[in-house]
Amino acid sequence: DLLYLLRSREHWPLLEMSANFYKVGVKAMPVTALVGFLIGVV
């Protein structure tokens, strides 16, 4: 699929990538910061 998308760049699912990046990245920052801070303190 990546080889196909490299030849047909207009078919890249950019909106889906952006939405998933926001869900798995930005929304995970609060819980990651909380657990990381507590682990550092311990």
PDB file of all heavy atoms in Angstrom:
ATOM      1  N   ASP A   1       0.824  -1.208   0.000  1.00  0.00           N
ATOM      2  CA  ASP A   1       0.000   0.000   0.000  1.00  0.00           C
ATOM      3  C   ASP A   1       0.860   1.261   0.000  1.00  0.00           C
ATOM      4  O   ASP A   1       0.522   2.253  -0.661  1.00  0.00           O
ATOM      5  CB  ASP A   1      -0.934   0.001   1.214  1.00  0.00           C
ATOM      6  CG  ASP A   1      -1.989  -1.088   1.126  1.00  0.00           C
ATOM      7  OD1 ASP A   1      -2.312  -1.504  -0.004  1.00  0.00           O
ATOM      8  OD2 ASP A   1      -2.480  -1.523   2.183  1.00  0.00           O
ATOM      9  N   LEU A   2       1.978   1.228   0.726  1.00  0.00           N
ATOM     10  CA  LEU A   2       2.873   2.390   0.729  1.00  0.00           C
ATOM     11  C   LEU A   2       3.482   2.620  -0.647  1.00  0.00           C
ATOM     12  O   LEU A   2       3.596   3.765  -1.107  1.00  0.00           O
ATOM     13  CB  LEU A   2       3.973   2.191   1.770  1.00  0.00           C
ATOM     14  CG  LEU A   2       3.575   2.396   3.229  1.00  0.00           C
ATOM     15  CD1 LEU A   2       4.743   2.043   4.154  1.00  0.00           C
ATOM     16  CD2 LEU A   2       3.142   3.843   3.468  1.00  0.00           C
ATOM     17  N   LEU A   3       3.870   1.545  -1.320  1.00  0.00           N
ATOM     18  CA  LEU A   3       4.395   1.695  -2.684  1.00  0.00           C
ATOM     19  C   LEU A   3       3.339   2.262  -3.617  1.00  0.00           C
ATOM     20  O   LEU A   3       3.636   3.116  -4.477  1.00  0.00           O
ATOM     21  CB  LEU A   3       4.885   0.339  -3.197  1.00  0.00           C
ATOM     22  CG  LEU A   3       6.113  -0.249  -2.493  1.00  0.00           C
ATOM     23  CD1 LEU A   3       6.432  -1.632  -3.058  1.00  0.00           C
ATOM     24  CD2 LEU A   3       7.310   0.679  -2.645  1.00  0.00           C
ATOM     25  N   TYR A   4       2.110   1.821  -3.445  1.00  0.00           N
ATOM     26  CA  TYR A   4       1.020   2.354  -4.270  1.00  0.00           C
ATOM     27  C   TYR A   4       0.790   3.836  -3.984  1.00  0.00           C
ATOM     28  O   TYR A   4       0.602   4.643  -4.907  1.00  0.00           O
ATOM     29  CB  TYR A   4      -0.257   1.557  -4.011  1.00  0.00           C
ATOM     30  CG  TYR A   4      -1.509   2.237  -4.504  1.00  0.00           C
ATOM     31  CD1 TYR A   4      -1.817   2.285  -5.865  1.00  0.00           C
ATOM     32  CD2 TYR A   4      -2.391   2.843  -3.601  1.00  0.00           C
ATOM     33  CE1 TYR A   4      -2.960   2.916  -6.317  1.00  0.00           C
ATOM     34  CE2 TYR A   4      -3.533   3.474  -4.041  1.00  0.00           C
ATOM     35  CZ  TYR A   4      -3.814   3.506  -5.405  1.00  0.00           C
ATOM     36  OH  TYR A   4      -4.941   4.147  -5.846  1.00  0.00           O
ATOM     37  N   LEU A   5       0.830   4.217  -2.715  1.00  0.00           N
ATOM     38  CA  LEU A   5       0.590   5.617  -2.356  1.00  0.00           C
ATOM     39  C   LEU A   5       1.740   6.513  -2.793  1.00  0.00           C
ATOM     40  O   LEU A   5       1.529   7.707  -3.068  1.00  0.00           O
ATOM     41  CB  LEU A   5       0.376   5.737  -0.850  1.00  0.00           C
ATOM     42  CG  LEU A   5      -0.914   5.106  -0.317  1.00  0.00           C
ATOM     43  CD1 LEU A   5      -0.959   5.174   1.201  1.00  0.00           C
ATOM     44  CD2 LEU A   5      -2.141   5.786  -0.911  1.00  0.00           C
ATOM     45  N   LEU A   6       2.948   5.971  -2.860  1.00  0.00           N
ATOM     46  CA  LEU A   6       4.069   6.775  -3.349  1.00  0.00           C
ATOM     47  C   LEU A   6       3.906   7.105  -4.826  1.00  0.00           C
ATOM     48  O   LEU A   6       4.369   8.165  -5.290  1.00  0.00           O
ATOM     49  CB  LEU A   6       5.389   6.029  -3.124  1.00  0.00           C
ATOM     50  CG  LEU A   6       5.848   5.913  -1.663  1.00  0.00           C
ATOM     51  CD1 LEU A   6       7.120   5.082  -1.565  1.00  0.00           C
ATOM     52  CD2 LEU A   6       6.068   7.302  -1.069  1.00  0.00           C
ATOM     53  N   ARG A   7       3.246   6.223  -5.560  1.00  0.00           N
ATOM     54  CA  ARG A   7       2.977   6.493  -6.983  1.00  0.00           C
ATOM     55  C   ARG A   7       1.730   7.341  -7.170  1.00  0.00           C
ATOM     56  O   ARG A   7       1.629   8.086  -8.146  1.00  0.00           O
ATOM     57  CB  ARG A   7       2.830   5.174  -7.744  1.00  0.00           C
ATOM     58  CG  ARG A   7       4.095   4.339  -7.789  1.00  0.00           C
ATOM     59  CD  ARG A   7       3.983   3.246  -8.838  1.00  0.00           C
ATOM     60  NE  ARG A   7       2.802   2.416  -8.619  1.00  0.00           N
ATOM     61  CZ  ARG A   7       2.804   1.287  -7.933  1.00  0.00           C
ATOM     62  NH1 ARG A   7       3.933   0.855  -7.368  1.00  0.00           N
ATOM     63  NH2 ARG A   7       1.707   0.580  -7.797  1.00  0.00           N
ATOM     64  N   SER A   8       0.775   7.210  -6.238  1.00  0.00           N
ATOM     65  CA  SER A   8      -0.480   7.973  -6.328  1.00  0.00           C
ATOM     66  C   SER A   8      -0.620   8.818  -5.075  1.00  0.00           C
ATOM     67  O   SER A   8      -1.320   8.447  -4.119  1.00  0.00           O
ATOM     68  CB  SER A   8      -1.674   7.025  -6.496  1.00  0.00           C
ATOM     69  OG  SER A   8      -1.497   6.162  -7.604  1.00  0.00           O
ATOM     70  N   ARG A   9       0.085   9.933  -5.043  1.00  0.00           N
ATOM     71  CA  ARG A   9       0.136  10.739  -3.830  1.00  0.00           C
ATOM     72  C   ARG A   9      -1.202  11.384  -3.499  1.00  0.00           C
ATOM     73  O   ARG A   9      -1.444  11.766  -2.352  1.00  0.00           O
ATOM     74  CB  ARG A   9       1.209  11.815  -3.977  1.00  0.00           C
ATOM     75  CG  ARG A   9       2.611  11.237  -4.163  1.00  0.00           C
ATOM     76  CD  ARG A   9       3.649  12.329  -4.274  1.00  0.00           C
ATOM     77  NE  ARG A   9       4.987  11.761  -4.453  1.00  0.00           N
ATOM     78  CZ  ARG A   9       6.085  12.485  -4.591  1.00  0.00           C
ATOM     79  NH1 ARG A   9       6.019  13.819  -4.567  1.00  0.00           N
ATOM     80  NH2 ARG A   9       7.253  11.899  -4.759  1.00  0.00           N
ATOM     81  N   GLU A  10      -2.087  11.524  -4.470  1.00  0.00           N
ATOM     82  CA  GLU A  10      -3.384  12.145  -4.184  1.00  0.00           C
ATOM     83  C   GLU A  10      -4.297  11.232  -3.380  1.00  0.00           C
ATOM     84  O   GLU A  10      -5.339  11.668  -2.876  1.00  0.00           O
ATOM     85  CB  GLU A  10      -4.071  12.534  -5.490  1.00  0.00           C
ATOM     86  CG  GLU A  10      -4.520  11.366  -6.375  1.00  0.00           C
ATOM     87  CD  GLU A  10      -3.403  10.825  -7.252  1.00  0.00           C
ATOM     88  OE1 GLU A  10      -2.268  11.321  -7.106  1.00  0.00           O
ATOM     89  OE2 GLU A  10      -3.661   9.916  -8.060  1.00  0.00           O
ATOM     90  N   HIS A  11      -3.935   9.963  -3.235  1.00  0.00           N
ATOM     91  CA  HIS A  11      -4.760   9.015  -2.497  1.00  0.00           C
ATOM     92  C   HIS A  11      -4.314   8.838  -1.045  1.00  0.00           C
ATOM     93  O   HIS A  11      -4.843   7.958  -0.352  1.00  0.00           O
ATOM     94  CB  HIS A  11      -4.751   7.652  -3.199  1.00  0.00           C
ATOM     95  CG  HIS A  11      -5.420   7.678  -4.542  1.00  0.00           C
ATOM     96  ND1 HIS A  11      -5.152   6.747  -5.522  1.00  0.00           N
ATOM     97  CD2 HIS A  11      -6.340   8.532  -5.073  1.00  0.00           C
ATOM     98  CE1 HIS A  11      -5.880   7.018  -6.603  1.00  0.00           C
ATOM     99  NE2 HIS A  11      -6.598   8.096  -6.346  1.00  0.00           N
ATOM    100  N   TRP A  12      -3.372   9.622  -0.594  1.00  0.00           N
ATOM    101  CA  TRP A  12      -2.924   9.492   0.802  1.00  0.00           C
ATOM    102  C   TRP A  12      -4.065   9.842   1.752  1.00  0.00           C
ATOM    103  O   TRP A  12      -4.693  10.895   1.610  1.00  0.00           O
ATOM    104  CB  TRP A  12      -1.743  10.422   1.062  1.00  0.00           C
ATOM    105  CG  TRP A  12      -0.419   9.825   0.697  1.00  0.00           C
ATOM    106  CD1 TRP A  12       0.179   9.866  -0.525  1.00  0.00           C
ATOM    107  CD2 TRP A  12       0.451   9.091   1.559  1.00  0.00           C
ATOM    108  NE1 TRP A  12       1.381   9.207  -0.495  1.00  0.00           N
ATOM    109  CE2 TRP A  12       1.580   8.719   0.782  1.00  0.00           C
ATOM    110  CE3 TRP A  12       0.396   8.720   2.897  1.00  0.00           C
ATOM    111  CZ2 TRP A  12       2.632   7.988   1.296  1.00  0.00           C
ATOM    112  CZ3 TRP A  12       1.448   7.989   3.424  1.00  0.00           C
ATOM    113  CH2 TRP A  12       2.554   7.629   2.632  1.00  0.00           C
ATOM    114  N   PRO A  13      -4.336   9.002   2.751  1.00  0.00           N
ATOM    115  CA  PRO A  13      -5.412   9.307   3.721  1.00  0.00           C
ATOM    116  C   PRO A  13      -4.931  10.288   4.794  1.00  0.00           C
ATOM    117  O   PRO A  13      -4.793   9.947   5.972  1.00  0.00           O
ATOM    118  CB  PRO A  13      -5.740   7.927   4.308  1.00  0.00           C
ATOM    119  CG  PRO A  13      -4.452   7.175   4.216  1.00  0.00           C
ATOM    120  CD  PRO A  13      -3.748   7.668   2.983  1.00  0.00           C
ATOM    121  N   LEU A  14      -4.696  11.528   4.392  1.00  0.00           N
ATOM    122  CA  LEU A  14      -4.115  12.510   5.307  1.00  0.00           C
ATOM    123  C   LEU A  14      -5.083  12.871   6.436  1.00  0.00           C
ATOM    124  O   LEU A  14      -4.664  13.088   7.575  1.00  0.00           O
ATOM    125  CB  LEU A  14      -3.707  13.765   4.529  1.00  0.00           C
ATOM    126  CG  LEU A  14      -2.618  13.547   3.455  1.00  0.00           C
ATOM    127  CD1 LEU A  14      -2.319  14.855   2.735  1.00  0.00           C
ATOM    128  CD2 LEU A  14      -1.353  12.990   4.092  1.00  0.00           C
ATOM    129  N   LEU A  15      -6.371  12.985   6.116  1.00  0.00           N
ATOM    130  CA  LEU A  15      -7.334  13.329   7.157  1.00  0.00           C
ATOM    131  C   LEU A  15      -7.404  12.237   8.227  1.00  0.00           C
ATOM    132  O   LEU A  15      -7.461  12.529   9.430  1.00  0.00           O
ATOM    133  CB  LEU A  15      -8.715  13.560   6.542  1.00  0.00           C
ATOM    134  CG  LEU A  15      -8.869  14.801   5.660  1.00  0.00           C
ATOM    135  CD1 LEU A  15     -10.268  14.875   5.084  1.00  0.00           C
ATOM    136  CD2 LEU A  15      -8.554  16.062   6.459  1.00  0.00           C
ATOM    137  N   GLU A  16      -7.393  10.976   7.805  1.00  0.00           N
ATOM    138  CA  GLU A  16      -7.417   9.874   8.765  1.00  0.00           C
ATOM    139  C   GLU A  16      -6.145   9.852   9.607  1.00  0.00           C
ATOM    140  O   GLU A  16      -6.197   9.606  10.821  1.00  0.00           O
ATOM    141  CB  GLU A  16      -7.589   8.535   8.039  1.00  0.00           C
ATOM    142  CG  GLU A  16      -8.961   8.332   7.414  1.00  0.00           C
ATOM    143  CD  GLU A  16      -9.063   8.959   6.032  1.00  0.00           C
ATOM    144  OE1 GLU A  16      -8.134   9.693   5.656  1.00  0.00           O
ATOM    145  OE2 GLU A  16     -10.078   8.729   5.353  1.00  0.00           O
ATOM    146  N   MET A  17      -4.999  10.128   8.983  1.00  0.00           N
ATOM    147  CA  MET A  17      -3.746  10.170   9.737  1.00  0.00           C
ATOM    148  C   MET A  17      -3.768  11.288  10.769  1.00  0.00           C
ATOM    149  O   MET A  17      -3.348  11.109  11.915  1.00  0.00           O
ATOM    150  CB  MET A  17      -2.567  10.352   8.780  1.00  0.00           C
ATOM    151  CG  MET A  17      -2.277   9.172   7.886  1.00  0.00           C
ATOM    152  SD  MET A  17      -0.874   9.478   6.813  1.00  0.00           S
ATOM    153  CE  MET A  17      -0.866   7.974   5.836  1.00  0.00           C
ATOM    154  N   SER A  18      -4.250  12.450  10.357  1.00  0.00           N
ATOM    155  CA  SER A  18      -4.307  13.588  11.274  1.00  0.00           C
ATOM    156  C   SER A  18      -5.240  13.297  12.451  1.00  0.00           C
ATOM    157  O   SER A  18      -4.910  13.594  13.606  1.00  0.00           O
ATOM    158  CB  SER A  18      -4.772  14.843  10.530  1.00  0.00           C
ATOM    159  OG  SER A  18      -4.921  15.927  11.410  1.00  0.00           O
ATOM    160  N   ALA A  19      -6.398  12.708  12.169  1.00  0.00           N
ATOM    161  CA  ALA A  19      -7.348  12.393  13.242  1.00  0.00           C
ATOM    162  C   ALA A  19      -6.768  11.359  14.204  1.00  0.00           C
ATOM    163  O   ALA A  19      -6.892  11.496  15.429  1.00  0.00           O
ATOM    164  CB  ALA A  19      -8.657  11.888  12.642  1.00  0.00           C
ATOM    165  N   ASN A  20      -6.114  10.336  13.668  1.00  0.00           N
ATOM    166  CA  ASN A  20      -5.515   9.322  14.536  1.00  0.00           C
ATOM    167  C   ASN A  20      -4.340   9.883  15.329  1.00  0.00           C
ATOM    168  O   ASN A  20      -4.141   9.519  16.490  1.00  0.00           O
ATOM    169  CB  ASN A  20      -5.053   8.122  13.697  1.00  0.00           C
ATOM    170  CG  ASN A  20      -6.186   7.189  13.321  1.00  0.00           C
ATOM    171  OD1 ASN A  20      -6.599   6.346  14.100  1.00  0.00           O
ATOM    172  ND2 ASN A  20      -6.707   7.354  12.121  1.00  0.00           N
ATOM    173  N   PHE A  21      -3.556  10.775  14.720  1.00  0.00           N
ATOM    174  CA  PHE A  21      -2.439  11.392  15.433  1.00  0.00           C
ATOM    175  C   PHE A  21      -2.948  12.205  16.622  1.00  0.00           C
ATOM    176  O   PHE A  21      -2.346  12.194  17.709  1.00  0.00           O
ATOM    177  CB  PHE A  21      -1.647  12.285  14.475  1.00  0.00           C
ATOM    178  CG  PHE A  21      -0.387  12.846  15.072  1.00  0.00           C
ATOM    179  CD1 PHE A  21       0.803  12.144  14.996  1.00  0.00           C
ATOM    180  CD2 PHE A  21      -0.383  14.068  15.708  1.00  0.00           C
ATOM    181  CE1 PHE A  21       1.971  12.650  15.558  1.00  0.00           C
ATOM    182  CE2 PHE A  21       0.761  14.593  16.271  1.00  0.00           C
ATOM    183  CZ  PHE A  21       1.948  13.878  16.190  1.00  0.00           C
ATOM    184  N   TYR A  22      -4.054  12.892  16.427  1.00  0.00           N
ATOM    185  CA  TYR A  22      -4.620  13.678  17.520  1.00  0.00           C
ATOM    186  C   TYR A  22      -5.124  12.769  18.643  1.00  0.00           C
ATOM    187  O   TYR A  22      -4.908  13.042  19.831  1.00  0.00           O
ATOM    188  CB  TYR A  22      -5.768  14.536  16.988  1.00  0.00           C
ATOM    189  CG  TYR A  22      -6.520  15.292  18.061  1.00  0.00           C
ATOM    190  CD1 TYR A  22      -5.970  16.416  18.661  1.00  0.00           C
ATOM    191  CD2 TYR A  22      -7.776  14.871  18.481  1.00  0.00           C
ATOM    192  CE1 TYR A  22      -6.645  17.107  19.652  1.00  0.00           C
ATOM    193  CE2 TYR A  22      -8.465  15.552  19.471  1.00  0.00           C
ATOM    194  CZ  TYR A  22      -7.895  16.669  20.048  1.00  0.00           C
ATOM    195  OH  TYR A  22      -8.568  17.341  21.036  1.00  0.00           O
ATOM    196  N   LYS A  23      -5.763  11.651  18.273  1.00  0.00           N
ATOM    197  CA  LYS A  23      -6.328  10.757  19.284  1.00  0.00           C
ATOM    198  C   LYS A  23      -5.252  10.013  20.057  1.00  0.00           C
ATOM    199  O   LYS A  23      -5.354   9.879  21.282  1.00  0.00           O
ATOM    200  CB  LYS A  23      -7.297   9.767  18.622  1.00  0.00           C
ATOM    201  CG  LYS A  23      -8.603  10.399  18.174  1.00  0.00           C
ATOM    202  CD  LYS A  23      -9.606   9.347  17.739  1.00  0.00           C
ATOM    203  CE  LYS A  23      -9.166   8.643  16.473  1.00  0.00           C
ATOM    204  NZ  LYS A  23     -10.218   7.716  15.976  1.00  0.00           N
ATOM    205  N   VAL A  24      -4.231   9.521  19.360  1.00  0.00           N
ATOM    206  CA  VAL A  24      -3.218   8.706  20.044  1.00  0.00           C
ATOM    207  C   VAL A  24      -2.090   9.551  20.599  1.00  0.00           C
ATOM    208  O   VAL A  24      -1.351   9.095  21.492  1.00  0.00           O
ATOM    209  CB  VAL A  24      -2.635   7.638  19.087  1.00  0.00           C
ATOM    210  CG1 VAL A  24      -3.732   6.756  18.544  1.00  0.00           C
ATOM    211  CG2 VAL A  24      -1.847   8.278  17.953  1.00  0.00           C
ATOM    212  N   GLY A  25      -1.917  10.781  20.109  1.00  0.00           N
ATOM    213  CA  GLY A  25      -0.819  11.611  20.563  1.00  0.00           C
ATOM    214  C   GLY A  25      -1.231  12.718  21.510  1.00  0.00           C
ATOM    215  O   GLY A  25      -0.881  12.719  22.698  1.00  0.00           O
ATOM    216  N   VAL A  26      -2.010  13.653  21.011  1.00  0.00           N
ATOM    217  CA  VAL A  26      -2.367  14.830  21.811  1.00  0.00           C
ATOM    218  C   VAL A  26      -3.213  14.430  23.010  1.00  0.00           C
ATOM    219  O   VAL A  26      -2.987  14.884  24.138  1.00  0.00           O
ATOM    220  CB  VAL A  26      -3.098  15.863  20.932  1.00  0.00           C
ATOM    221  CG1 VAL A  26      -3.524  17.067  21.755  1.00  0.00           C
ATOM    222  CG2 VAL A  26      -2.203  16.304  19.776  1.00  0.00           C
ATOM    223  N   LYS A  27      -4.207  13.565  22.799  1.00  0.00           N
ATOM    224  CA  LYS A  27      -5.090  13.182  23.900  1.00  0.00           C
ATOM    225  C   LYS A  27      -4.398  12.320  24.950  1.00  0.00           C
ATOM    226  O   LYS A  27      -4.908  12.191  26.065  1.00  0.00           O
ATOM    227  CB  LYS A  27      -6.311  12.439  23.355  1.00  0.00           C
ATOM    228  CG  LYS A  27      -7.322  13.351  22.680  1.00  0.00           C
ATOM    229  CD  LYS A  27      -8.616  12.603  22.416  1.00  0.00           C
ATOM    230  CE  LYS A  27      -9.703  13.557  21.934  1.00  0.00           C
ATOM    231  NZ  LYS A  27     -10.991  12.859  21.735  1.00  0.00           N
ATOM    232  N   ALA A  28      -3.261  11.733  24.607  1.00  0.00           N
ATOM    233  CA  ALA A  28      -2.535  10.906  25.574  1.00  0.00           C
ATOM    234  C   ALA A  28      -1.547  11.706  26.403  1.00  0.00           C
ATOM    235  O   ALA A  28      -0.940  11.150  27.337  1.00  0.00           O
ATOM    236  CB  ALA A  28      -1.802   9.784  24.844  1.00  0.00           C
ATOM    237  N   MET A  29      -1.373  12.975  26.108  1.00  0.00           N
ATOM    238  CA  MET A  29      -0.379  13.774  26.829  1.00  0.00           C
ATOM    239  C   MET A  29      -0.711  13.968  28.308  1.00  0.00           C
ATOM    240  O   MET A  29       0.186  13.864  29.158  1.00  0.00           O
ATOM    241  CB  MET A  29      -0.195  15.126  26.137  1.00  0.00           C
ATOM    242  CG  MET A  29       0.473  15.036  24.781  1.00  0.00           C
ATOM    243  SD  MET A  29       0.643  16.645  23.962  1.00  0.00           S
ATOM    244  CE  MET A  29       1.760  17.477  25.095  1.00  0.00           C
ATOM    245  N   PRO A  30      -1.956  14.257  28.692  1.00  0.00           N
ATOM    246  CA  PRO A  30      -2.222  14.453  30.130  1.00  0.00           C
ATOM    247  C   PRO A  30      -1.909  13.234  30.986  1.00  0.00           C
ATOM    248  O   PRO A  30      -1.229  13.347  32.016  1.00  0.00           O
ATOM    249  CB  PRO A  30      -3.719  14.806  30.160  1.00  0.00           C
ATOM    250  CG  PRO A  30      -4.012  15.349  28.807  1.00  0.00           C
ATOM    251  CD  PRO A  30      -3.142  14.573  27.879  1.00  0.00           C
ATOM    252  N   VAL A  31      -2.389  12.066  30.597  1.00  0.00           N
ATOM    253  CA  VAL A  31      -2.151  10.876  31.412  1.00  0.00           C
ATOM    254  C   VAL A  31      -0.674  10.493  31.389  1.00  0.00           C
ATOM    255  O   VAL A  31      -0.118  10.040  32.403  1.00  0.00           O
ATOM    256  CB  VAL A  31      -3.039   9.705  30.922  1.00  0.00           C
ATOM    257  CG1 VAL A  31      -2.665   9.286  29.511  1.00  0.00           C
ATOM    258  CG2 VAL A  31      -2.932   8.525  31.875  1.00  0.00           C
ATOM    259  N   THR A  32       0.002  10.717  30.259  1.00  0.00           N
ATOM    260  CA  THR A  32       1.437  10.440  30.192  1.00  0.00           C
ATOM    261  C   THR A  32       2.215  11.356  31.125  1.00  0.00           C
ATOM    262  O   THR A  32       3.145  10.924  31.820  1.00  0.00           O
ATOM    263  CB  THR A  32       1.932  10.601  28.752  1.00  0.00           C
ATOM    264  OG1 THR A  32       1.168   9.753  27.884  1.00  0.00           O
ATOM    265  CG2 THR A  32       3.396  10.237  28.635  1.00  0.00           C
ATOM    266  N   ALA A  33       1.838  12.636  31.156  1.00  0.00           N
ATOM    267  CA  ALA A  33       2.517  13.588  32.032  1.00  0.00           C
ATOM    268  C   ALA A  33       2.282  13.238  33.502  1.00  0.00           C
ATOM    269  O   ALA A  33       3.217  13.285  34.320  1.00  0.00           O
ATOM    270  CB  ALA A  33       2.035  15.005  31.732  1.00  0.00           C
ATOM    271  N   LEU A  34       1.062  12.876  33.849  1.00  0.00           N
ATOM    272  CA  LEU A  34       0.752  12.552  35.243  1.00  0.00           C
ATOM    273  C   LEU A  34       1.544  11.342  35.715  1.00  0.00           C
ATOM    274  O   LEU A  34       2.202  11.378  36.767  1.00  0.00           O
ATOM    275  CB  LEU A  34      -0.746  12.299  35.387  1.00  0.00           C
ATOM    276  CG  LEU A  34      -1.223  11.842  36.776  1.00  0.00           C
ATOM    277  CD1 LEU A  34      -0.923  12.903  37.821  1.00  0.00           C
ATOM    278  CD2 LEU A  34      -2.703  11.493  36.735  1.00  0.00           C
ATOM    279  N   VAL A  35       1.499  10.256  34.936  1.00  0.00           N
ATOM    280  CA  VAL A  35       2.215   9.042  35.333  1.00  0.00           C
ATOM    281  C   VAL A  35       3.713   9.276  35.317  1.00  0.00           C
ATOM    282  O   VAL A  35       4.439   8.830  36.222  1.00  0.00           O
ATOM    283  CB  VAL A  35       1.820   7.881  34.403  1.00  0.00           C
ATOM    284  CG1 VAL A  35       2.633   6.634  34.733  1.00  0.00           C
ATOM    285  CG2 VAL A  35       0.335   7.582  34.519  1.00  0.00           C
ATOM    286  N   GLY A  36       4.213   9.987  34.300  1.00  0.00           N
ATOM    287  CA  GLY A  36       5.647  10.258  34.235  1.00  0.00           C
ATOM    288  C   GLY A  36       6.134  11.073  35.415  1.00  0.00           C
ATOM    289  O   GLY A  36       7.189  10.782  36.002  1.00  0.00           O
ATOM    290  N   PHE A  37       5.391  12.099  35.795  1.00  0.00           N
ATOM    291  CA  PHE A  37       5.789  12.929  36.938  1.00  0.00           C
ATOM    292  C   PHE A  37       5.846  12.104  38.220  1.00  0.00           C
ATOM    293  O   PHE A  37       6.800  12.202  39.000  1.00  0.00           O
ATOM    294  CB  PHE A  37       4.814  14.092  37.092  1.00  0.00           C
ATOM    295  CG  PHE A  37       5.138  15.019  38.218  1.00  0.00           C
ATOM    296  CD1 PHE A  37       6.075  16.031  38.049  1.00  0.00           C
ATOM    297  CD2 PHE A  37       4.524  14.889  39.456  1.00  0.00           C
ATOM    298  CE1 PHE A  37       6.392  16.888  39.088  1.00  0.00           C
ATOM    299  CE2 PHE A  37       4.824  15.738  40.502  1.00  0.00           C
ATOM    300  CZ  PHE A  37       5.768  16.743  40.320  1.00  0.00           C
ATOM    301  N   LEU A  38       4.846  11.271  38.443  1.00  0.00           N
ATOM    302  CA  LEU A  38       4.823  10.453  39.654  1.00  0.00           C
ATOM    303  C   LEU A  38       5.949   9.421  39.655  1.00  0.00           C
ATOM    304  O   LEU A  38       6.563   9.165  40.698  1.00  0.00           O
ATOM    305  CB  LEU A  38       3.466   9.760  39.787  1.00  0.00           C
ATOM    306  CG  LEU A  38       2.264  10.691  39.981  1.00  0.00           C
ATOM    307  CD1 LEU A  38       0.968   9.893  40.021  1.00  0.00           C
ATOM    308  CD2 LEU A  38       2.421  11.516  41.247  1.00  0.00           C
ATOM    309  N   ILE A  39       6.238   8.826  38.500  1.00  0.00           N
ATOM    310  CA  ILE A  39       7.337   7.862  38.431  1.00  0.00           C
ATOM    311  C   ILE A  39       8.663   8.557  38.711  1.00  0.00           C
ATOM    312  O   ILE A  39       9.535   8.020  39.411  1.00  0.00           O
ATOM    313  CB  ILE A  39       7.348   7.183  37.049  1.00  0.00           C
ATOM    314  CG1 ILE A  39       6.139   6.253  36.912  1.00  0.00           C
ATOM    315  CG2 ILE A  39       8.648   6.405  36.844  1.00  0.00           C
ATOM    316  CD1 ILE A  39       6.138   5.088  37.857  1.00  0.00           C
ATOM    317  N   GLY A  40       8.841   9.767  38.170  1.00  0.00           N
ATOM    318  CA  GLY A  40      10.076  10.507  38.447  1.00  0.00           C
ATOM    319  C   GLY A  40      10.230  10.825  39.919  1.00  0.00           C
ATOM    320  O   GLY A  40      11.328  10.706  40.488  1.00  0.00           O
ATOM    321  N   VAL A  41       9.141  11.214  40.562  1.00  0.00           N
ATOM    322  CA  VAL A  41       9.194  11.516  41.996  1.00  0.00           C
ATOM    323  C   VAL A  41       9.542  10.263  42.801  1.00  0.00           C
ATOM    324  O   VAL A  41      10.383  10.295  43.714  1.00  0.00           O
ATOM    325  CB  VAL A  41       7.850  12.113  42.459  1.00  0.00           C
ATOM    326  CG1 VAL A  41       7.803  12.213  43.980  1.00  0.00           C
ATOM    327  CG2 VAL A  41       7.635  13.490  41.835  1.00  0.00           C
ATOM    328  N   VAL A  42       8.916   9.156  42.466  1.00  0.00           N
ATOM    329  CA  VAL A  42       9.166   7.907  43.206  1.00  0.00           C
ATOM    330  C   VAL A  42      10.606   7.445  43.012  1.00  0.00           C
ATOM    331  O   VAL A  42      11.296   7.056  43.975  1.00  0.00           O
ATOM    332  CB  VAL A  42       8.175   6.824  42.761  1.00  0.00           C
ATOM    333  CG1 VAL A  42       8.546   5.473  43.348  1.00  0.00           C
ATOM    334  CG2 VAL A  42       6.763   7.200  43.170  1.00  0.00           C
TER     335      VAL A  42
END
